[in-house]
Amino acid sequence: MTSILISWVASIVSLFVVAYVVPGFHVTSVVAAAVAAVVIGLLNATLGNVMKLLGCPLMVLTLGLAALVVNALMILLASALVDGFRVDGFLPAFFGSILLSIVSTVVGAIFRTATK
C-alpha cells in the first residue's frame, strides 16, 4: 500500500515538474495533477498495454520508440478526460512523456529511499 502511495505522489510531483519544463503541458492544481496521475496510470495499464501488444512488430522495428508514441497518446487522452490538465498537442505530449518517465523514476527513488 505504501509503495502505491509513493508512486502516486511521485507521479504528481513529476507532472508539476514536466508542466514547468515543457511548453504546452499545463497542470492547474494539485487535485488536477492527482486525478491526471491516476488516469494516466490506468490508461497505460489498460489501453496502453493493449496498444503496445498490438504494435509489437512496430516496437521491434523502431527499437522501442513506438512505445514513446503510445505513452504520448495516453497523455493526450488523459488531458481530454481530466479538467485542469491540458496538453497542447502531440509534441508536448511526446516530450512530456519522456521527461515524465525520467522524473517519476528519480522522484520515486528519492521517496523510497527517504521512507526506508
N, C-alpha and C. Protein backbone atom coordinates (compact mmCIF):
# COMPACT_ATOMS: atom_id res chain seq x y z
N MET A 1 0.82 -1.20 0.00
CA MET A 1 0.00 0.00 0.00
C MET A 1 0.86 1.25 0.00
N THR A 2 1.92 1.23 0.79
CA THR A 2 2.81 2.38 0.87
C THR A 2 3.49 2.65 -0.47
N SER A 3 3.88 1.59 -1.17
CA SER A 3 4.57 1.78 -2.45
C SER A 3 3.63 2.39 -3.50
N ILE A 4 2.36 2.07 -3.43
CA ILE A 4 1.39 2.67 -4.35
C ILE A 4 1.27 4.16 -4.08
N LEU A 5 1.18 4.53 -2.81
CA LEU A 5 1.10 5.95 -2.46
C LEU A 5 2.36 6.71 -2.84
N ILE A 6 3.50 6.07 -2.65
CA ILE A 6 4.76 6.71 -3.03
C ILE A 6 4.80 6.92 -4.54
N SER A 7 4.38 5.93 -5.30
CA SER A 7 4.35 6.07 -6.76
C SER A 7 3.39 7.16 -7.19
N TRP A 8 2.25 7.24 -6.52
CA TRP A 8 1.25 8.26 -6.85
C TRP A 8 1.79 9.66 -6.57
N VAL A 9 2.39 9.85 -5.40
CA VAL A 9 2.96 11.15 -5.06
C VAL A 9 4.10 11.50 -6.01
N ALA A 10 4.91 10.52 -6.37
CA ALA A 10 5.99 10.75 -7.33
C ALA A 10 5.42 11.18 -8.68
N SER A 11 4.32 10.59 -9.09
CA SER A 11 3.69 10.97 -10.36
C SER A 11 3.13 12.38 -10.30
N ILE A 12 2.54 12.75 -9.17
CA ILE A 12 2.00 14.10 -9.01
C ILE A 12 3.12 15.13 -9.08
N VAL A 13 4.19 14.90 -8.34
CA VAL A 13 5.33 15.81 -8.36
C VAL A 13 5.92 15.87 -9.77
N SER A 14 6.01 14.74 -10.43
CA SER A 14 6.56 14.68 -11.78
C SER A 14 5.72 15.47 -12.77
N LEU A 15 4.40 15.41 -12.63
CA LEU A 15 3.53 16.18 -13.52
C LEU A 15 3.78 17.68 -13.37
N PHE A 16 3.98 18.14 -12.14
CA PHE A 16 4.29 19.55 -11.94
C PHE A 16 5.65 19.93 -12.53
N VAL A 17 6.64 19.07 -12.37
CA VAL A 17 7.96 19.34 -12.95
C VAL A 17 7.87 19.41 -14.47
N VAL A 18 7.17 18.47 -15.08
CA VAL A 18 7.02 18.45 -16.53
C VAL A 18 6.25 19.69 -17.00
N ALA A 19 5.21 20.07 -16.27
CA ALA A 19 4.43 21.26 -16.63
C ALA A 19 5.29 22.52 -16.56
N TYR A 20 6.24 22.54 -15.65
CA TYR A 20 7.13 23.68 -15.52
C TYR A 20 8.16 23.73 -16.66
N VAL A 21 8.61 22.56 -17.11
CA VAL A 21 9.71 22.49 -18.08
C VAL A 21 9.21 22.47 -19.52
N VAL A 22 8.15 21.74 -19.80
CA VAL A 22 7.71 21.52 -21.19
C VAL A 22 6.63 22.54 -21.56
N PRO A 23 6.90 23.38 -22.56
CA PRO A 23 5.86 24.31 -23.00
C PRO A 23 4.69 23.53 -23.63
N GLY A 24 3.48 23.94 -23.32
CA GLY A 24 2.31 23.26 -23.85
C GLY A 24 1.78 22.17 -22.96
N PHE A 25 2.38 21.98 -21.80
CA PHE A 25 1.98 20.97 -20.82
C PHE A 25 1.53 21.74 -19.59
N HIS A 26 0.23 21.68 -19.24
CA HIS A 26 -0.33 22.54 -18.20
C HIS A 26 -1.04 21.72 -17.12
N VAL A 27 -0.74 22.04 -15.87
CA VAL A 27 -1.44 21.47 -14.71
C VAL A 27 -1.86 22.65 -13.84
N THR A 28 -3.17 22.75 -13.54
CA THR A 28 -3.66 23.94 -12.84
C THR A 28 -3.72 23.79 -11.33
N SER A 29 -3.78 22.57 -10.81
CA SER A 29 -3.90 22.40 -9.36
C SER A 29 -3.37 21.04 -8.94
N VAL A 30 -3.22 20.88 -7.63
CA VAL A 30 -2.77 19.60 -7.08
C VAL A 30 -3.82 18.53 -7.32
N VAL A 31 -5.09 18.90 -7.19
CA VAL A 31 -6.17 17.93 -7.43
C VAL A 31 -6.16 17.46 -8.87
N ALA A 32 -5.98 18.40 -9.80
CA ALA A 32 -5.91 18.02 -11.22
C ALA A 32 -4.72 17.10 -11.47
N ALA A 33 -3.58 17.39 -10.86
CA ALA A 33 -2.40 16.53 -11.02
C ALA A 33 -2.64 15.16 -10.43
N ALA A 34 -3.32 15.10 -9.27
CA ALA A 34 -3.59 13.81 -8.64
C ALA A 34 -4.52 12.97 -9.50
N VAL A 35 -5.57 13.59 -10.02
CA VAL A 35 -6.51 12.86 -10.89
C VAL A 35 -5.82 12.46 -12.19
N ALA A 36 -5.03 13.37 -12.76
CA ALA A 36 -4.32 13.06 -14.01
C ALA A 36 -3.34 11.90 -13.81
N ALA A 37 -2.67 11.87 -12.66
CA ALA A 37 -1.73 10.77 -12.39
C ALA A 37 -2.46 9.43 -12.35
N VAL A 38 -3.62 9.40 -11.72
CA VAL A 38 -4.41 8.16 -11.67
C VAL A 38 -4.90 7.78 -13.06
N VAL A 39 -5.42 8.75 -13.81
CA VAL A 39 -5.95 8.47 -15.14
C VAL A 39 -4.85 8.00 -16.08
N ILE A 40 -3.70 8.66 -16.05
CA ILE A 40 -2.58 8.23 -16.90
C ILE A 40 -2.15 6.82 -16.53
N GLY A 41 -2.06 6.54 -15.25
CA GLY A 41 -1.69 5.19 -14.81
C GLY A 41 -2.68 4.14 -15.26
N LEU A 42 -3.97 4.43 -15.12
CA LEU A 42 -4.99 3.47 -15.55
C LEU A 42 -5.00 3.29 -17.07
N LEU A 43 -4.84 4.39 -17.81
CA LEU A 43 -4.80 4.29 -19.27
C LEU A 43 -3.59 3.48 -19.73
N ASN A 44 -2.44 3.72 -19.12
CA ASN A 44 -1.24 2.96 -19.50
C ASN A 44 -1.36 1.50 -19.14
N ALA A 45 -2.02 1.21 -18.02
CA ALA A 45 -2.16 -0.18 -17.59
C ALA A 45 -3.17 -0.95 -18.43
N THR A 46 -4.11 -0.28 -19.04
CA THR A 46 -5.15 -0.96 -19.82
C THR A 46 -4.94 -0.74 -21.31
N LEU A 47 -5.40 0.39 -21.79
CA LEU A 47 -5.35 0.68 -23.22
C LEU A 47 -3.92 0.76 -23.76
N GLY A 48 -3.03 1.33 -22.96
CA GLY A 48 -1.63 1.44 -23.38
C GLY A 48 -0.99 0.08 -23.60
N ASN A 49 -1.24 -0.86 -22.69
CA ASN A 49 -0.67 -2.20 -22.85
C ASN A 49 -1.26 -2.92 -24.05
N VAL A 50 -2.56 -2.72 -24.31
CA VAL A 50 -3.18 -3.33 -25.48
C VAL A 50 -2.56 -2.78 -26.75
N MET A 51 -2.38 -1.45 -26.80
CA MET A 51 -1.78 -0.84 -27.98
C MET A 51 -0.33 -1.30 -28.18
N LYS A 52 0.40 -1.46 -27.08
CA LYS A 52 1.79 -1.92 -27.19
C LYS A 52 1.84 -3.38 -27.64
N LEU A 53 0.89 -4.19 -27.19
CA LEU A 53 0.84 -5.59 -27.61
C LEU A 53 0.50 -5.69 -29.10
N LEU A 54 -0.48 -4.93 -29.54
CA LEU A 54 -0.86 -4.97 -30.95
C LEU A 54 0.23 -4.39 -31.85
N GLY A 55 0.96 -3.42 -31.31
CA GLY A 55 2.03 -2.81 -32.10
C GLY A 55 3.38 -3.41 -31.86
N CYS A 56 3.42 -4.63 -31.36
CA CYS A 56 4.69 -5.29 -31.04
C CYS A 56 5.66 -5.36 -32.23
N PRO A 57 5.19 -5.71 -33.42
CA PRO A 57 6.13 -5.71 -34.55
C PRO A 57 6.72 -4.32 -34.83
N LEU A 58 5.90 -3.29 -34.66
CA LEU A 58 6.38 -1.92 -34.85
C LEU A 58 7.38 -1.54 -33.76
N MET A 59 7.16 -2.05 -32.55
CA MET A 59 8.10 -1.80 -31.45
C MET A 59 9.47 -2.39 -31.77
N VAL A 60 9.46 -3.57 -32.34
CA VAL A 60 10.72 -4.23 -32.69
C VAL A 60 11.43 -3.45 -33.79
N LEU A 61 10.68 -3.03 -34.80
CA LEU A 61 11.28 -2.29 -35.92
C LEU A 61 11.84 -0.93 -35.52
N THR A 62 11.17 -0.27 -34.57
CA THR A 62 11.61 1.07 -34.15
C THR A 62 12.48 1.03 -32.90
N LEU A 63 12.85 -0.16 -32.46
CA LEU A 63 13.70 -0.34 -31.28
C LEU A 63 13.08 0.30 -30.03
N GLY A 64 11.76 0.20 -29.93
CA GLY A 64 11.06 0.68 -28.74
C GLY A 64 10.57 2.11 -28.81
N LEU A 65 10.91 2.84 -29.87
CA LEU A 65 10.46 4.23 -29.96
C LEU A 65 8.95 4.34 -30.10
N ALA A 66 8.32 3.33 -30.65
CA ALA A 66 6.86 3.35 -30.78
C ALA A 66 6.19 3.37 -29.41
N ALA A 67 6.85 2.84 -28.39
CA ALA A 67 6.30 2.88 -27.03
C ALA A 67 6.19 4.32 -26.54
N LEU A 68 7.12 5.17 -26.94
CA LEU A 68 7.03 6.58 -26.57
C LEU A 68 5.83 7.24 -27.22
N VAL A 69 5.53 6.85 -28.45
CA VAL A 69 4.36 7.38 -29.14
C VAL A 69 3.08 6.94 -28.42
N VAL A 70 3.03 5.68 -28.01
CA VAL A 70 1.86 5.17 -27.28
C VAL A 70 1.70 5.92 -25.96
N ASN A 71 2.80 6.15 -25.24
CA ASN A 71 2.73 6.91 -23.99
C ASN A 71 2.25 8.33 -24.22
N ALA A 72 2.71 8.96 -25.30
CA ALA A 72 2.25 10.31 -25.63
C ALA A 72 0.76 10.32 -25.94
N LEU A 73 0.28 9.32 -26.63
CA LEU A 73 -1.15 9.23 -26.93
C LEU A 73 -1.97 9.04 -25.66
N MET A 74 -1.45 8.28 -24.70
CA MET A 74 -2.16 8.09 -23.43
C MET A 74 -2.22 9.41 -22.64
N ILE A 75 -1.16 10.19 -22.72
CA ILE A 75 -1.16 11.50 -22.06
C ILE A 75 -2.16 12.44 -22.73
N LEU A 76 -2.21 12.42 -24.07
CA LEU A 76 -3.20 13.23 -24.78
C LEU A 76 -4.62 12.83 -24.42
N LEU A 77 -4.87 11.54 -24.33
CA LEU A 77 -6.20 11.06 -23.95
C LEU A 77 -6.53 11.48 -22.52
N ALA A 78 -5.58 11.39 -21.62
CA ALA A 78 -5.80 11.81 -20.23
C ALA A 78 -6.09 13.30 -20.17
N SER A 79 -5.43 14.09 -21.00
CA SER A 79 -5.69 15.53 -20.98
C SER A 79 -7.09 15.86 -21.48
N ALA A 80 -7.63 15.01 -22.33
CA ALA A 80 -9.00 15.21 -22.80
C ALA A 80 -10.02 14.81 -21.72
N LEU A 81 -9.63 13.93 -20.81
CA LEU A 81 -10.55 13.42 -19.80
C LEU A 81 -10.51 14.18 -18.47
N VAL A 82 -9.40 14.86 -18.16
CA VAL A 82 -9.21 15.47 -16.84
C VAL A 82 -9.25 16.99 -16.97
N ASP A 83 -10.17 17.61 -16.22
CA ASP A 83 -10.20 19.08 -16.15
C ASP A 83 -9.01 19.56 -15.34
N GLY A 84 -8.38 20.62 -15.82
CA GLY A 84 -7.23 21.17 -15.11
C GLY A 84 -5.91 20.60 -15.57
N PHE A 85 -5.95 19.64 -16.47
CA PHE A 85 -4.74 19.04 -17.04
C PHE A 85 -4.88 19.16 -18.55
N ARG A 86 -3.97 19.91 -19.17
CA ARG A 86 -4.08 20.17 -20.61
C ARG A 86 -2.73 20.02 -21.29
N VAL A 87 -2.74 19.36 -22.44
CA VAL A 87 -1.55 19.23 -23.26
C VAL A 87 -1.92 19.77 -24.64
N ASP A 88 -1.12 20.69 -25.15
CA ASP A 88 -1.45 21.43 -26.37
C ASP A 88 -0.99 20.77 -27.67
N GLY A 89 -0.93 19.48 -27.73
CA GLY A 89 -0.57 18.82 -28.97
C GLY A 89 0.31 17.61 -28.76
N PHE A 90 0.68 16.98 -29.88
CA PHE A 90 1.43 15.74 -29.80
C PHE A 90 2.86 15.97 -29.31
N LEU A 91 3.54 16.99 -29.82
CA LEU A 91 4.94 17.19 -29.42
C LEU A 91 5.10 17.47 -27.93
N PRO A 92 4.30 18.35 -27.33
CA PRO A 92 4.41 18.48 -25.87
C PRO A 92 4.11 17.17 -25.14
N ALA A 93 3.15 16.40 -25.65
CA ALA A 93 2.84 15.10 -25.03
C ALA A 93 4.01 14.14 -25.18
N PHE A 94 4.64 14.15 -26.33
CA PHE A 94 5.77 13.26 -26.60
C PHE A 94 6.96 13.58 -25.68
N PHE A 95 7.36 14.86 -25.68
CA PHE A 95 8.49 15.25 -24.83
C PHE A 95 8.11 15.16 -23.36
N GLY A 96 6.85 15.45 -23.06
CA GLY A 96 6.37 15.32 -21.69
C GLY A 96 6.41 13.88 -21.20
N SER A 97 6.08 12.94 -22.09
CA SER A 97 6.10 11.53 -21.69
C SER A 97 7.53 11.05 -21.39
N ILE A 98 8.47 11.53 -22.17
CA ILE A 98 9.87 11.17 -21.93
C ILE A 98 10.33 11.73 -20.59
N LEU A 99 10.08 13.03 -20.39
CA LEU A 99 10.51 13.67 -19.16
C LEU A 99 9.74 13.13 -17.96
N LEU A 100 8.46 12.82 -18.15
CA LEU A 100 7.65 12.26 -17.06
C LEU A 100 8.21 10.92 -16.59
N SER A 101 8.64 10.10 -17.51
CA SER A 101 9.24 8.81 -17.15
C SER A 101 10.52 9.00 -16.35
N ILE A 102 11.36 9.90 -16.81
CA ILE A 102 12.64 10.14 -16.14
C ILE A 102 12.42 10.72 -14.74
N VAL A 103 11.59 11.76 -14.67
CA VAL A 103 11.38 12.43 -13.39
C VAL A 103 10.66 11.51 -12.40
N SER A 104 9.68 10.74 -12.88
CA SER A 104 8.97 9.82 -11.99
C SER A 104 9.92 8.79 -11.40
N THR A 105 10.82 8.30 -12.19
CA THR A 105 11.79 7.33 -11.71
C THR A 105 12.70 7.94 -10.64
N VAL A 106 13.20 9.13 -10.90
CA VAL A 106 14.10 9.79 -9.95
C VAL A 106 13.36 10.16 -8.66
N VAL A 107 12.19 10.79 -8.79
CA VAL A 107 11.44 11.21 -7.61
C VAL A 107 10.99 9.99 -6.80
N GLY A 108 10.53 8.95 -7.49
CA GLY A 108 10.13 7.72 -6.80
C GLY A 108 11.29 7.10 -6.03
N ALA A 109 12.46 7.10 -6.61
CA ALA A 109 13.65 6.57 -5.92
C ALA A 109 13.99 7.39 -4.70
N ILE A 110 13.86 8.71 -4.82
CA ILE A 110 14.14 9.58 -3.68
C ILE A 110 13.14 9.33 -2.55
N PHE A 111 11.85 9.23 -2.90
CA PHE A 111 10.82 8.97 -1.88
C PHE A 111 11.01 7.60 -1.23
N ARG A 112 11.34 6.59 -2.03
CA ARG A 112 11.53 5.25 -1.47
C ARG A 112 12.72 5.23 -0.52
N THR A 113 13.79 5.94 -0.88
CA THR A 113 14.98 5.99 -0.03
C THR A 113 14.67 6.75 1.26
N ALA A 114 13.88 7.80 1.17
CA ALA A 114 13.56 8.62 2.34
C ALA A 114 12.65 7.89 3.32
N THR A 115 11.83 6.95 2.82
CA THR A 115 10.90 6.25 3.70
C THR A 115 11.48 4.99 4.31
N LYS A 116 12.67 4.61 3.92
CA LYS A 116 13.29 3.39 4.48
C LYS A 116 13.97 3.67 5.78
